[in-house]
Amino acid sequence: MLTCLVFEFVAVLLICVSFTREFAVTMKNNCIVPFFLLLKVQASKGSTIKPTTEPKIDESISSMGPKCKKLRDLLSLMDSETKIFDVVLPSKVFFFETDKTIFLMEEDISQLLRMAFLNVSCIQLFMMYLQQHCEEQNEGLSSIAFLCPTIVSQIGDDTARNDQVMKYVESSLLKMKDVGVVLVPFCQAMHWTLIILCPLTQEAYFCDPMSKRRDVTFKYLLQGAFRGFKARAGYTLKGGMSLKWSNLICHQQTGSTECGYYVMRYMLDIVRHYHRNINDYKKWFGSHEAYRVEDVNEVRDLWASYFMKNHL
């Protein structure tokens, strides 16, 4: 009987040793991690193997501003089911026929907190903040208007859709009274740029945070919409029916994902330093240097503060 027990004990011991070799454990960040899992984690570093899930927000991002940190902490306390936010896009901001509703997802906010490429919903929310700022300041800022980036960025090979975009721009211009500047964020080929349209002077300025030769299809549609606007409005301004296009010297991004933040910063600078004379913009934007970290973080913090106050 004793011999049998000893034999069973030895057999169990051998099984345990074999199991330990197969699933050895080690300590990583004060957590016990099975060795086979650790091998998979290490193999993904510098390899072509991509993680199956999106990396979580880095809790040690020292450059994150105080409002972004607060937003991050608040989101961490919420259930995943509650991290889908309804945001109403007011018709008065984007010149819709009626208000429209979009859904801001947790991943959209995570992109902003991680300095990843920005989804259009983040750009739209910041434009709503800028509109509110214009209304609160009331220093001639009623002469600044915005076009919806979702609509204008839908152009492509679909002629019917392009016609819809042109009609939206034309009808929006007709609704604008004494507007000196129209800010138009535009996304093409996963890159954000800003078009500054000045209807009263028939000028348009192109701000590209990664300047290079681009075939910006929207420029041609905007030209067509502007001609239709002038014809329907009965304007007989100098220069016929054409817009005069210029490229503004503007701050340039150094990475591959900052374009959305730069476009938001361009718009913020215009709203803060608005004058009817576009030459003031040329002076303000006359630099190819990258924005300081503080300049970009200010935009992110303004976004986070507006979101927490109005939508959280």
Protein backbone atom coordinates (compact mmCIF):
# COMPACT_ATOMS: atom_id res chain seq x y z
CA MET A 1 0.00 0.00 0.00
CA LEU A 2 2.79 2.40 0.97
CA THR A 3 4.68 1.48 -2.19
CA CYS A 4 1.69 2.39 -4.31
CA LEU A 5 1.33 5.76 -2.61
CA VAL A 6 5.00 6.56 -3.17
CA PHE A 7 4.71 5.59 -6.82
CA GLU A 8 1.65 7.83 -7.31
CA PHE A 9 3.44 10.71 -5.55
CA VAL A 10 6.46 10.40 -7.84
CA ALA A 11 4.23 10.25 -10.91
CA VAL A 12 2.40 13.43 -9.88
CA LEU A 13 5.72 15.14 -9.20
CA LEU A 14 7.00 14.29 -12.67
CA ILE A 15 3.82 15.65 -14.25
CA CYS A 16 4.21 18.90 -12.29
CA VAL A 17 7.82 19.28 -13.40
CA SER A 18 6.80 18.72 -17.03
CA PHE A 19 3.96 21.24 -16.70
CA THR A 20 6.31 23.80 -15.13
CA ARG A 21 8.73 23.53 -18.04
CA GLU A 22 5.91 24.03 -20.52
CA PHE A 23 4.22 26.89 -18.64
CA ALA A 24 7.07 28.42 -16.67
CA VAL A 25 6.23 31.75 -15.07
CA THR A 26 8.18 34.93 -14.57
CA MET A 27 7.55 38.32 -12.97
CA LYS A 28 6.72 41.22 -15.26
CA ASN A 29 5.51 44.54 -13.87
CA ASN A 30 4.68 42.82 -10.55
CA CYS A 31 2.36 40.40 -12.35
CA ILE A 32 2.81 36.68 -12.81
CA VAL A 33 2.92 36.01 -16.54
CA PRO A 34 2.98 32.49 -18.06
CA PHE A 35 6.25 32.01 -19.90
CA PHE A 36 4.59 31.11 -23.19
CA LEU A 37 2.66 34.39 -23.05
CA LEU A 38 5.85 36.31 -22.31
CA LEU A 39 7.46 34.78 -25.37
CA LYS A 40 4.58 36.04 -27.51
CA VAL A 41 4.88 39.53 -26.03
CA GLN A 42 8.63 39.64 -26.63
CA ALA A 43 8.31 38.29 -30.16
CA SER A 44 6.04 41.17 -31.10
CA LYS A 45 8.75 43.73 -30.35
CA GLY A 46 10.48 44.72 -33.55
CA SER A 47 8.80 41.94 -35.48
CA THR A 48 6.18 41.95 -38.19
CA ILE A 49 3.65 40.38 -35.85
CA LYS A 50 1.01 42.95 -34.98
CA PRO A 51 -0.83 42.89 -31.65
CA THR A 52 -4.42 41.76 -31.91
CA THR A 53 -5.70 44.62 -29.76
CA GLU A 54 -5.12 48.36 -29.77
CA PRO A 55 -2.54 49.43 -27.15
CA LYS A 56 -4.06 50.98 -24.06
CA ILE A 57 -3.53 54.62 -23.16
CA ASP A 58 -0.04 55.01 -21.74
CA GLU A 59 -0.54 56.07 -18.14
CA SER A 60 2.96 57.56 -18.03
CA ILE A 61 2.50 60.16 -20.80
CA SER A 62 4.19 63.10 -19.11
CA SER A 63 3.31 65.59 -21.86
CA MET A 64 -0.42 65.14 -21.39
CA GLY A 65 -2.05 68.34 -20.14
CA PRO A 66 -4.08 68.52 -16.91
CA LYS A 67 -7.49 68.48 -18.65
CA CYS A 68 -6.54 65.45 -20.74
CA LYS A 69 -5.31 63.66 -17.62
CA LYS A 70 -8.59 64.42 -15.88
CA LEU A 71 -10.56 63.14 -18.85
CA ARG A 72 -8.46 59.98 -18.95
CA ASP A 73 -9.10 59.36 -15.26
CA LEU A 74 -12.84 59.93 -15.59
CA LEU A 75 -13.09 57.53 -18.52
CA SER A 76 -11.22 54.86 -16.58
CA LEU A 77 -14.01 54.91 -13.96
CA MET A 78 -16.80 54.41 -16.48
CA ASP A 79 -18.28 51.16 -17.75
CA SER A 80 -17.52 50.37 -21.37
CA GLU A 81 -21.26 50.47 -22.17
CA THR A 82 -21.41 54.13 -21.16
CA LYS A 83 -18.43 55.25 -23.26
CA ILE A 84 -20.49 56.00 -26.34
CA PHE A 85 -21.50 59.66 -26.39
CA ASP A 86 -24.23 61.32 -28.44
CA VAL A 87 -23.06 64.66 -29.80
CA VAL A 88 -25.47 67.01 -31.54
CA LEU A 89 -23.97 68.98 -34.43
CA PRO A 90 -25.93 72.26 -34.44
CA SER A 91 -27.31 73.38 -37.77
CA LYS A 92 -26.25 76.95 -36.99
CA VAL A 93 -22.59 75.90 -36.78
CA PHE A 94 -22.39 73.74 -39.91
CA PHE A 95 -25.32 75.20 -41.90
CA PHE A 96 -27.37 71.99 -41.99
CA GLU A 97 -31.09 72.06 -42.63
CA THR A 98 -31.59 70.50 -39.17
CA ASP A 99 -29.37 69.43 -36.31
CA LYS A 100 -27.50 66.17 -36.79
CA THR A 101 -26.30 63.64 -34.22
CA ILE A 102 -22.99 61.80 -34.28
CA PHE A 103 -21.59 59.20 -31.91
CA LEU A 104 -18.27 59.89 -30.23
CA MET A 105 -16.67 56.58 -29.33
CA GLU A 106 -14.16 55.75 -26.61
CA GLU A 107 -11.60 55.03 -29.32
CA ASP A 108 -12.07 58.54 -30.75
CA ILE A 109 -11.20 60.05 -27.37
CA SER A 110 -8.35 57.60 -26.93
CA GLN A 111 -6.88 58.82 -30.23
CA LEU A 112 -6.76 62.37 -28.90
CA LEU A 113 -5.23 61.30 -25.59
CA ARG A 114 -2.59 59.18 -27.34
CA MET A 115 -1.80 61.77 -30.03
CA ALA A 116 -2.92 59.28 -32.68
CA PHE A 117 -4.46 60.22 -36.02
CA LEU A 118 -7.70 62.10 -35.32
CA ASN A 119 -11.12 60.95 -36.41
CA VAL A 120 -13.42 63.57 -37.94
CA SER A 121 -15.67 63.59 -34.86
CA CYS A 122 -12.83 65.07 -32.80
CA ILE A 123 -12.35 67.84 -35.37
CA GLN A 124 -16.09 68.56 -35.38
CA LEU A 125 -16.22 68.83 -31.60
CA PHE A 126 -13.35 71.31 -31.59
CA MET A 127 -15.10 73.41 -34.23
CA MET A 128 -18.13 73.54 -31.93
CA TYR A 129 -15.85 74.81 -29.17
CA LEU A 130 -14.49 77.50 -31.51
CA GLN A 131 -18.01 78.57 -32.45
CA GLN A 132 -18.88 78.90 -28.77
CA HIS A 133 -15.72 80.93 -28.22
CA CYS A 134 -16.66 83.26 -31.08
CA GLU A 135 -20.12 83.81 -29.61
CA GLU A 136 -18.78 84.47 -26.11
CA GLN A 137 -16.08 86.89 -27.21
CA ASN A 138 -18.34 88.81 -29.61
CA GLU A 139 -15.43 90.83 -31.00
CA GLY A 140 -16.24 90.74 -34.69
CA LEU A 141 -15.93 86.96 -34.60
CA SER A 142 -19.40 86.58 -36.10
CA SER A 143 -17.53 87.05 -39.37
CA ILE A 144 -16.01 83.56 -38.98
CA ALA A 145 -17.95 80.51 -40.15
CA PHE A 146 -17.31 76.76 -40.53
CA LEU A 147 -18.11 74.01 -43.02
CA CYS A 148 -18.65 70.41 -41.95
CA PRO A 149 -15.47 68.34 -42.53
CA THR A 150 -17.47 65.11 -42.84
CA ILE A 151 -19.38 66.38 -45.86
CA VAL A 152 -16.55 68.15 -47.69
CA SER A 153 -14.21 65.17 -47.21
CA GLN A 154 -16.64 62.80 -48.96
CA ILE A 155 -15.55 63.77 -52.44
CA GLY A 156 -14.14 61.14 -54.76
CA ASP A 157 -15.03 59.37 -57.98
CA ASP A 158 -18.77 59.39 -57.27
CA THR A 159 -20.19 62.22 -59.38
CA ALA A 160 -23.53 62.24 -57.56
CA ARG A 161 -21.83 62.56 -54.17
CA ASN A 162 -19.54 65.30 -55.46
CA ASP A 163 -22.61 67.20 -56.65
CA GLN A 164 -24.11 66.89 -53.16
CA VAL A 165 -20.92 68.30 -51.64
CA MET A 166 -20.97 71.21 -54.08
CA LYS A 167 -24.63 71.96 -53.31
CA TYR A 168 -23.91 71.89 -49.56
CA VAL A 169 -21.06 74.39 -49.94
CA GLU A 170 -23.07 76.64 -52.23
CA SER A 171 -26.16 76.67 -49.99
CA SER A 172 -24.00 77.27 -46.90
CA LEU A 173 -22.34 80.28 -48.51
CA LEU A 174 -25.76 81.70 -49.35
CA LYS A 175 -26.75 81.47 -45.67
CA MET A 176 -23.65 83.35 -44.51
CA LYS A 177 -24.14 87.07 -44.14
CA ASP A 178 -21.12 89.36 -43.99
CA VAL A 179 -18.83 86.40 -43.29
CA GLY A 180 -15.22 87.30 -43.91
CA VAL A 181 -13.62 83.90 -43.27
CA VAL A 182 -14.87 80.34 -43.68
CA LEU A 183 -12.74 77.61 -42.10
CA VAL A 184 -12.86 74.28 -43.92
CA PRO A 185 -10.93 71.32 -42.45
CA PHE A 186 -10.49 68.72 -45.16
CA CYS A 187 -9.23 65.14 -45.03
CA GLN A 188 -7.85 63.39 -48.10
CA ALA A 189 -5.76 60.19 -48.15
CA MET A 190 -5.62 60.09 -44.33
CA HIS A 191 -4.20 63.61 -44.07
CA TRP A 192 -5.85 66.72 -42.60
CA THR A 193 -5.42 70.14 -44.19
CA LEU A 194 -7.21 73.47 -43.74
CA ILE A 195 -8.74 75.70 -46.39
CA ILE A 196 -9.39 79.33 -45.46
CA LEU A 197 -12.09 80.78 -47.72
CA CYS A 198 -12.64 84.54 -47.88
CA PRO A 199 -15.88 85.05 -49.86
CA LEU A 200 -15.86 88.86 -49.74
CA THR A 201 -12.37 89.14 -51.24
CA GLN A 202 -12.68 86.05 -53.46
CA GLU A 203 -9.57 84.51 -51.97
CA ALA A 204 -8.79 81.02 -50.70
CA TYR A 205 -5.74 79.90 -48.71
CA PHE A 206 -4.42 76.39 -48.34
CA CYS A 207 -2.74 75.36 -45.06
CA ASP A 208 -0.96 72.01 -45.21
CA PRO A 209 0.92 70.81 -42.09
CA MET A 210 3.00 68.54 -44.36
CA SER A 211 3.50 70.71 -47.41
CA LYS A 212 3.98 68.94 -50.72
CA ARG A 213 2.34 68.87 -54.12
CA ARG A 214 -1.19 67.52 -53.71
CA ASP A 215 -4.07 67.06 -56.07
CA VAL A 216 -6.72 68.47 -53.78
CA THR A 217 -9.95 67.62 -55.57
CA PHE A 218 -12.01 69.69 -53.16
CA LYS A 219 -10.38 72.86 -54.47
CA TYR A 220 -12.07 72.36 -57.83
CA LEU A 221 -15.44 71.61 -56.24
CA LEU A 222 -15.10 74.66 -54.01
CA GLN A 223 -14.39 76.76 -57.08
CA GLY A 224 -17.57 75.47 -58.73
CA ALA A 225 -19.63 76.03 -55.58
CA PHE A 226 -18.29 79.57 -55.29
CA ARG A 227 -19.31 80.37 -58.85
CA GLY A 228 -22.80 79.05 -58.18
CA PHE A 229 -22.97 81.07 -54.96
CA LYS A 230 -21.99 84.31 -56.71
CA ALA A 231 -24.47 83.74 -59.54
CA ARG A 232 -27.38 83.00 -57.19
CA ALA A 233 -26.48 85.82 -54.80
CA GLY A 234 -26.22 88.32 -57.65
CA TYR A 235 -22.73 89.43 -56.65
CA THR A 236 -20.70 91.32 -59.22
CA LEU A 237 -17.38 91.43 -57.44
CA LYS A 238 -14.11 92.11 -59.18
CA GLY A 239 -12.19 89.21 -60.63
CA GLY A 240 -15.13 87.52 -62.29
CA MET A 241 -16.31 84.24 -60.81
CA SER A 242 -12.96 82.72 -59.78
CA LEU A 243 -11.22 82.30 -56.46
CA LYS A 244 -7.61 83.34 -56.11
CA TRP A 245 -5.69 80.48 -54.46
CA SER A 246 -2.55 80.83 -52.36
CA ASN A 247 -0.53 78.48 -50.15
CA LEU A 248 0.12 79.88 -46.69
CA ILE A 249 3.45 79.25 -45.00
CA CYS A 250 2.38 77.40 -41.88
CA HIS A 251 3.80 75.32 -39.05
CA GLN A 252 4.89 71.86 -40.19
CA GLN A 253 4.42 68.57 -38.40
CA THR A 254 7.47 66.38 -37.76
CA GLY A 255 5.67 63.04 -37.40
CA SER A 256 2.98 61.19 -39.28
CA THR A 257 -0.11 61.64 -37.07
CA GLU A 258 -0.14 65.28 -35.94
CA CYS A 259 -1.98 66.78 -38.93
CA GLY A 260 -5.37 66.91 -37.17
CA TYR A 261 -3.90 68.67 -34.14
CA TYR A 262 -2.13 71.18 -36.37
CA VAL A 263 -5.35 71.94 -38.26
CA MET A 264 -7.15 72.52 -34.95
CA ARG A 265 -4.30 74.81 -33.85
CA TYR A 266 -4.47 76.73 -37.14
CA MET A 267 -8.17 77.37 -36.54
CA LEU A 268 -7.59 78.38 -32.93
CA ASP A 269 -4.91 80.88 -33.96
CA ILE A 270 -7.21 82.37 -36.60
CA VAL A 271 -10.09 82.75 -34.15
CA ARG A 272 -7.83 84.32 -31.52
CA HIS A 273 -6.11 86.70 -33.90
CA TYR A 274 -8.88 87.35 -36.38
CA HIS A 275 -8.79 90.43 -38.57
CA ARG A 276 -10.52 91.06 -41.86
CA ASN A 277 -7.17 91.59 -43.58
CA ILE A 278 -5.80 88.21 -44.64
CA ASN A 279 -2.28 89.65 -44.59
CA ASP A 280 -2.43 89.31 -40.82
CA TYR A 281 -2.79 85.55 -41.30
CA LYS A 282 0.25 85.55 -43.54
CA LYS A 283 2.28 87.14 -40.76
CA TRP A 284 0.91 84.79 -38.13
CA PHE A 285 1.44 81.63 -40.17
CA GLY A 286 4.79 82.65 -41.66
CA SER A 287 6.83 79.81 -40.17
CA HIS A 288 7.73 76.29 -41.24
CA GLU A 289 8.79 75.36 -37.71
CA ALA A 290 6.91 72.71 -35.78
CA TYR A 291 4.52 73.80 -33.06
CA ARG A 292 5.83 73.53 -29.53
CA VAL A 293 4.52 70.67 -27.41
CA GLU A 294 2.73 73.28 -25.29
CA ASP A 295 0.91 74.63 -28.35
CA VAL A 296 -0.44 71.21 -29.29
CA ASN A 297 -1.27 70.30 -25.69
CA GLU A 298 -3.28 73.49 -25.30
CA VAL A 299 -5.53 72.40 -28.16
CA ARG A 300 -5.96 68.93 -26.64
CA ASP A 301 -6.77 70.41 -23.23
CA LEU A 302 -9.31 72.83 -24.71
CA TRP A 303 -10.95 69.87 -26.46
CA ALA A 304 -11.01 67.80 -23.26
CA SER A 305 -12.38 70.70 -21.19
CA TYR A 306 -15.18 71.40 -23.67
CA PHE A 307 -16.09 67.72 -23.90
CA MET A 308 -16.20 67.20 -20.11
CA LYS A 309 -18.32 70.31 -19.62
CA ASN A 310 -20.84 69.65 -22.38
CA HIS A 311 -20.95 65.92 -23.06
CA LEU A 312 -19.73 63.95 -20.06
